[in-house]
Amino acid sequence: KESEDPQRTALLLRKQWSLYSVTPLYAFSDAHLKAYARLLSAAIAAEKQKGLALEVGAELDVGIKVAVSSLPELRGSDQDQAAILVQVLSRSPSSQKNSEKKLIWSGCFCCVSGYDLPKNVPEGFTCLPLFLANGAESYTSIVGSWFQKTFDCCFHRLALSPLNLSWMAAMWTACNVDKTVSVMELVFSVPHLPHPLDISYAIHSEDAKALWDSVQKTPGEITQEEVDVFMDCLYSHFHRHFKIHLSATKLVKVSTAIASAHCEGTVKFLQSQHLRGVLMLLTELAISQIE
């Protein structure tokens, strides 16, 4: 079994990640990660030099270096492909060549599915359907373009629907978490107004957990019916106090002790012990978008 380093997966915690779904990569190999890093460094350097052709390995000229590594810790099962971490590091032009570089952009290809892989992935293709990006969009664009050209794949932003977010609210409420985080927050957007208006609804974590426990019929399993009842109870409670029908609004953000997620397709992971579980749900959503 490959060695696992919890500190490496901790790199994903408490950062805002933009979500993408990715079609299978053609002719990708874990054995060539260092070569991919050199080629990607050259591609970024060329872009920085306004398209001027640069030799592979010339990334030091613009102070940019790319590291590509494997994260075997991020798998749902042994059948899953190990996650691939892409890091773009920068050295200021005035500093020494061997000085420490600053991490300016990160990307991570994941497949934390356990068993629910896309059917019929052709031979020669690698399935890493979920891509997370943290950093300037200009780097996301350059890295995404290079992967698309090199491995004949496509990237699409992965938006989260109100239904996805309500599932996250229920699933994350059901988890046992650190008691120091005291609230779950739901943010709703009110439609058809001349100016944007959001409603923030904060619920004590213990109250939300008690409500979920009263709704859930089979511990360890979650059904759509249970999620609907859970949300309806929260809506009813809110209406009783404020006379506002949240069912007429759109759920746009969920924040819990486990993670926070926004409908535009961003997520922040907050608990290392629940990281795989959140990634499993996001992998499932990415796969459903590809199919």
Protein backbone atom coordinates (compact mmCIF):
# COMPACT_ATOMS: atom_id res chain seq x y z
CA LYS A 1 0.00 0.00 0.00
CA GLU A 2 1.23 3.50 -0.86
CA SER A 3 2.33 5.61 2.09
CA GLU A 4 -0.15 8.24 3.21
CA ASP A 5 0.71 11.68 4.52
CA PRO A 6 -2.18 13.50 6.25
CA GLN A 7 -0.32 16.79 5.87
CA ARG A 8 -0.57 16.54 2.09
CA THR A 9 -4.36 16.19 2.12
CA ALA A 10 -4.45 19.07 4.65
CA LEU A 11 -3.39 21.27 1.70
CA LEU A 12 -7.03 21.07 0.57
CA LEU A 13 -8.50 22.37 3.84
CA ARG A 14 -9.80 25.91 4.44
CA LYS A 15 -9.25 27.11 0.87
CA GLN A 16 -11.91 28.15 -1.62
CA TRP A 17 -11.97 25.66 -4.51
CA SER A 18 -13.74 26.14 -7.84
CA LEU A 19 -15.31 22.92 -9.10
CA TYR A 20 -15.06 21.43 -12.60
CA SER A 21 -16.08 18.16 -14.18
CA VAL A 22 -13.52 16.57 -16.52
CA THR A 23 -14.00 13.94 -19.22
CA PRO A 24 -11.54 10.98 -19.11
CA LEU A 25 -7.90 11.78 -19.94
CA TYR A 26 -6.36 9.92 -22.89
CA ALA A 27 -2.85 8.45 -22.58
CA PHE A 28 -2.27 9.90 -19.11
CA SER A 29 0.30 8.07 -16.96
CA ASP A 30 1.27 8.41 -13.30
CA ALA A 31 4.80 7.43 -14.35
CA HIS A 32 5.31 10.69 -16.28
CA LEU A 33 4.31 13.32 -13.68
CA LYS A 34 7.75 15.01 -13.66
CA ALA A 35 7.68 15.31 -17.46
CA TYR A 36 4.17 16.78 -17.33
CA ALA A 37 5.41 19.33 -14.76
CA ARG A 38 8.25 20.42 -17.08
CA LEU A 39 5.94 20.71 -20.09
CA LEU A 40 3.31 22.63 -18.13
CA SER A 41 6.00 24.96 -16.72
CA ALA A 42 7.08 25.71 -20.29
CA ALA A 43 3.46 26.32 -21.35
CA ILE A 44 2.93 28.82 -18.51
CA ALA A 45 6.27 30.51 -19.24
CA ALA A 46 5.34 30.82 -22.93
CA GLU A 47 2.02 32.38 -21.96
CA LYS A 48 3.82 34.79 -19.62
CA GLN A 49 6.15 35.74 -22.46
CA LYS A 50 3.14 36.62 -24.62
CA GLY A 51 3.35 33.43 -26.65
CA LEU A 52 7.10 33.68 -27.30
CA ALA A 53 8.38 30.11 -27.80
CA LEU A 54 10.52 28.88 -24.92
CA GLU A 55 12.43 25.66 -24.50
CA VAL A 56 11.14 23.10 -22.01
CA GLY A 57 12.79 23.80 -18.66
CA ALA A 58 12.99 27.57 -19.23
CA GLU A 59 10.42 28.24 -16.52
CA LEU A 60 13.08 29.76 -14.20
CA ASP A 61 13.32 32.70 -16.60
CA VAL A 62 9.93 33.92 -15.41
CA GLY A 63 10.24 32.60 -11.87
CA ILE A 64 7.52 29.97 -12.34
CA LYS A 65 7.84 26.29 -11.49
CA VAL A 66 5.17 23.59 -11.68
CA ALA A 67 5.04 20.54 -9.41
CA VAL A 68 2.79 17.59 -10.29
CA SER A 69 2.41 14.82 -7.70
CA SER A 70 0.19 11.89 -6.80
CA LEU A 71 -2.16 11.94 -3.78
CA PRO A 72 -3.05 8.27 -3.21
CA GLU A 73 -4.68 9.31 0.08
CA LEU A 74 -7.62 10.76 -1.85
CA ARG A 75 -9.34 7.62 -3.05
CA GLY A 76 -12.65 6.03 -2.17
CA SER A 77 -11.30 2.53 -2.86
CA ASP A 78 -8.32 0.77 -4.45
CA GLN A 79 -10.22 0.78 -7.75
CA ASP A 80 -10.06 4.58 -7.91
CA GLN A 81 -7.28 6.43 -9.68
CA ALA A 82 -5.01 8.29 -7.22
CA ALA A 83 -5.67 12.04 -7.13
CA ILE A 84 -3.22 14.28 -8.99
CA LEU A 85 -2.08 17.53 -7.38
CA VAL A 86 -0.83 20.35 -9.62
CA GLN A 87 0.95 23.27 -7.93
CA VAL A 88 2.25 26.45 -9.54
CA LEU A 89 5.04 28.09 -7.53
CA SER A 90 6.55 31.53 -8.01
CA ARG A 91 9.91 33.05 -7.15
CA SER A 92 10.23 36.83 -7.17
CA PRO A 93 12.76 38.02 -9.82
CA SER A 94 14.91 39.74 -7.16
CA SER A 95 15.34 36.64 -4.98
CA GLN A 96 18.04 34.00 -5.21
CA LYS A 97 17.64 31.09 -7.62
CA ASN A 98 17.49 28.53 -4.82
CA SER A 99 15.21 30.57 -2.56
CA GLU A 100 11.90 29.21 -1.38
CA LYS A 101 9.06 29.54 -3.85
CA LYS A 102 5.59 30.78 -3.02
CA LEU A 103 2.54 28.65 -3.89
CA ILE A 104 0.33 30.82 -6.13
CA TRP A 105 -2.10 28.31 -7.66
CA SER A 106 -3.25 24.74 -6.93
CA GLY A 107 -5.34 22.25 -8.85
CA CYS A 108 -6.39 18.72 -7.94
CA PHE A 109 -7.85 15.97 -10.15
CA CYS A 110 -9.89 13.50 -8.06
CA CYS A 111 -11.84 10.30 -8.35
CA VAL A 112 -13.20 9.51 -4.89
CA SER A 113 -16.04 7.27 -5.99
CA GLY A 114 -15.51 3.98 -4.20
CA TYR A 115 -17.50 2.05 -6.78
CA ASP A 116 -19.64 4.35 -8.93
CA LEU A 117 -17.22 4.88 -11.80
CA PRO A 118 -18.54 5.92 -15.21
CA LYS A 119 -19.48 2.87 -17.23
CA ASN A 120 -17.46 1.78 -20.24
CA VAL A 121 -14.38 3.98 -19.93
CA PRO A 122 -12.38 2.94 -23.03
CA GLU A 123 -8.92 1.44 -22.69
CA GLY A 124 -6.17 4.04 -22.59
CA PHE A 125 -8.31 6.58 -20.74
CA THR A 126 -7.89 7.64 -17.09
CA CYS A 127 -10.97 8.64 -15.11
CA LEU A 128 -10.41 11.70 -12.88
CA PRO A 129 -13.83 13.36 -13.22
CA LEU A 130 -13.57 16.03 -10.50
CA PHE A 131 -11.17 18.96 -10.76
CA LEU A 132 -10.64 21.54 -7.99
CA ALA A 133 -8.88 24.86 -8.64
CA ASN A 134 -7.63 27.43 -6.13
CA GLY A 135 -5.97 30.63 -7.33
CA ALA A 136 -6.12 33.13 -10.19
CA GLU A 137 -8.47 32.19 -13.03
CA SER A 138 -5.71 33.03 -15.53
CA TYR A 139 -3.71 30.02 -14.25
CA THR A 140 -6.81 27.82 -14.19
CA SER A 141 -7.32 28.72 -17.86
CA ILE A 142 -3.70 28.01 -18.88
CA VAL A 143 -3.52 24.71 -16.96
CA GLY A 144 -6.96 23.62 -18.18
CA SER A 145 -6.06 24.41 -21.81
CA TRP A 146 -2.80 22.45 -21.54
CA PHE A 147 -4.54 19.37 -20.10
CA GLN A 148 -7.30 19.57 -22.72
CA LYS A 149 -4.80 19.70 -25.59
CA THR A 150 -2.42 17.12 -24.11
CA PHE A 151 -4.95 14.52 -22.95
CA ASP A 152 -7.91 15.17 -25.27
CA CYS A 153 -10.30 15.95 -22.38
CA CYS A 154 -12.89 18.67 -21.69
CA PHE A 155 -13.41 20.82 -18.59
CA HIS A 156 -16.82 22.21 -17.58
CA ARG A 157 -17.70 24.33 -14.55
CA LEU A 158 -19.63 22.23 -12.04
CA ALA A 159 -22.50 24.33 -10.67
CA LEU A 160 -24.45 23.12 -7.63
CA SER A 161 -28.24 23.11 -7.82
CA PRO A 162 -30.52 23.92 -4.85
CA LEU A 163 -31.27 20.17 -4.73
CA ASN A 164 -27.52 19.38 -4.49
CA LEU A 165 -27.14 21.97 -1.72
CA SER A 166 -30.12 20.63 0.26
CA TRP A 167 -28.54 17.16 0.14
CA MET A 168 -25.28 18.65 1.42
CA ALA A 169 -27.14 20.38 4.26
CA ALA A 170 -28.75 17.09 5.29
CA MET A 171 -25.64 14.91 4.86
CA TRP A 172 -23.32 17.28 6.69
CA THR A 173 -25.83 17.83 9.49
CA ALA A 174 -26.00 14.04 9.94
CA CYS A 175 -22.23 13.86 10.61
CA ASN A 176 -20.81 14.01 14.11
CA VAL A 177 -18.65 17.11 14.29
CA ASP A 178 -16.59 19.31 16.52
CA LYS A 179 -18.94 20.97 19.01
CA THR A 180 -17.06 24.28 18.84
CA VAL A 181 -18.77 25.09 15.53
CA SER A 182 -22.21 26.07 16.70
CA VAL A 183 -24.26 26.93 13.61
CA MET A 184 -25.32 25.70 10.21
CA GLU A 185 -26.05 28.57 7.83
CA LEU A 186 -28.27 28.44 4.76
CA VAL A 187 -28.32 31.41 2.36
CA PHE A 188 -31.32 31.95 0.07
CA SER A 189 -31.59 34.31 -2.90
CA VAL A 190 -34.91 36.09 -3.43
CA PRO A 191 -35.85 36.13 -7.14
CA HIS A 192 -37.58 38.81 -9.25
CA LEU A 193 -36.38 41.83 -7.29
CA PRO A 194 -34.81 44.97 -8.82
CA HIS A 195 -31.85 44.59 -6.42
CA PRO A 196 -30.30 41.33 -5.20
CA LEU A 197 -31.54 40.23 -1.79
CA ASP A 198 -30.20 37.29 0.19
CA ILE A 199 -31.72 35.78 3.32
CA SER A 200 -29.36 34.15 5.79
CA TYR A 201 -30.82 31.43 8.01
CA ALA A 202 -28.61 30.23 10.88
CA ILE A 203 -29.54 27.13 12.90
CA HIS A 204 -27.68 25.82 15.94
CA SER A 205 -25.85 22.66 14.87
CA GLU A 206 -27.32 20.66 17.77
CA ASP A 207 -30.87 21.73 16.83
CA ALA A 208 -30.29 20.83 13.17
CA LYS A 209 -28.86 17.45 14.20
CA ALA A 210 -31.85 16.76 16.50
CA LEU A 211 -34.23 17.63 13.65
CA TRP A 212 -32.35 15.36 11.24
CA ASP A 213 -32.34 12.48 13.76
CA SER A 214 -36.13 12.82 14.07
CA VAL A 215 -36.53 12.73 10.27
CA GLN A 216 -34.06 9.94 9.38
CA LYS A 217 -35.58 6.47 9.30
CA THR A 218 -32.55 4.30 8.59
CA PRO A 219 -29.27 5.41 10.21
CA GLY A 220 -26.43 5.53 7.69
CA GLU A 221 -28.78 5.97 4.73
CA ILE A 222 -30.29 9.14 3.30
CA THR A 223 -33.29 9.30 0.95
CA GLN A 224 -34.69 12.16 -1.12
CA GLU A 225 -37.88 12.00 0.95
CA GLU A 226 -35.92 12.53 4.17
CA VAL A 227 -34.01 15.47 2.67
CA ASP A 228 -37.33 17.03 1.55
CA VAL A 229 -38.91 16.59 5.00
CA PHE A 230 -35.80 18.05 6.69
CA MET A 231 -35.86 21.15 4.48
CA ASP A 232 -39.65 21.54 4.78
CA CYS A 233 -39.34 21.51 8.59
CA LEU A 234 -36.70 24.24 8.42
CA TYR A 235 -38.91 26.27 6.04
CA SER A 236 -41.94 25.89 8.34
CA HIS A 237 -39.95 27.02 11.38
CA PHE A 238 -38.70 30.08 9.49
CA HIS A 239 -42.20 30.95 8.24
CA ARG A 240 -43.62 30.68 11.74
CA HIS A 241 -41.18 33.33 12.97
CA PHE A 242 -40.80 35.64 9.97
CA LYS A 243 -43.83 34.95 7.73
CA ILE A 244 -41.51 34.38 4.76
CA HIS A 245 -41.91 31.39 2.43
CA LEU A 246 -38.36 30.18 1.80
CA SER A 247 -39.77 27.63 -0.67
CA ALA A 248 -40.29 30.61 -3.02
CA THR A 249 -36.58 31.49 -2.87
CA LYS A 250 -33.47 29.75 -4.18
CA LEU A 251 -30.97 28.02 -1.89
CA VAL A 252 -27.56 29.36 -2.97
CA LYS A 253 -25.15 28.49 -0.13
CA VAL A 254 -24.74 25.95 2.66
CA SER A 255 -22.20 26.36 5.48
CA THR A 256 -21.61 23.70 8.14
CA ALA A 257 -18.76 22.48 10.33
CA ILE A 258 -17.93 19.90 7.63
CA ALA A 259 -17.72 22.19 4.59
CA SER A 260 -19.34 25.12 2.84
CA ALA A 261 -20.62 25.12 -0.74
CA HIS A 262 -22.01 27.79 -3.10
CA CYS A 263 -24.31 27.31 -6.09
CA GLU A 264 -21.76 28.90 -8.46
CA GLY A 265 -19.61 25.82 -7.94
CA THR A 266 -17.23 26.61 -5.10
CA VAL A 267 -16.51 24.60 -1.97
CA LYS A 268 -14.40 24.95 1.17
CA PHE A 269 -13.40 21.80 3.10
CA LEU A 270 -13.22 22.31 6.87
CA GLN A 271 -12.78 18.84 8.44
CA SER A 272 -10.04 16.43 7.36
CA GLN A 273 -11.91 13.37 8.66
CA HIS A 274 -14.87 14.16 6.37
CA LEU A 275 -12.81 15.19 3.33
CA ARG A 276 -13.26 11.90 1.47
CA GLY A 277 -17.01 11.91 2.10
CA VAL A 278 -17.43 15.41 0.63
CA LEU A 279 -15.20 14.54 -2.35
CA MET A 280 -17.23 11.37 -2.95
CA LEU A 281 -20.43 13.41 -3.31
CA LEU A 282 -18.70 15.95 -5.59
CA THR A 283 -17.20 13.13 -7.70
CA GLU A 284 -20.69 11.68 -8.12
CA LEU A 285 -22.02 15.07 -9.29
CA ALA A 286 -19.08 15.50 -11.70
CA ILE A 287 -19.68 12.03 -13.18
CA SER A 288 -23.40 12.71 -13.62
CA GLN A 289 -22.56 15.90 -15.56
CA ILE A 290 -20.15 14.01 -17.86
CA GLU A 291 -22.70 11.26 -18.56
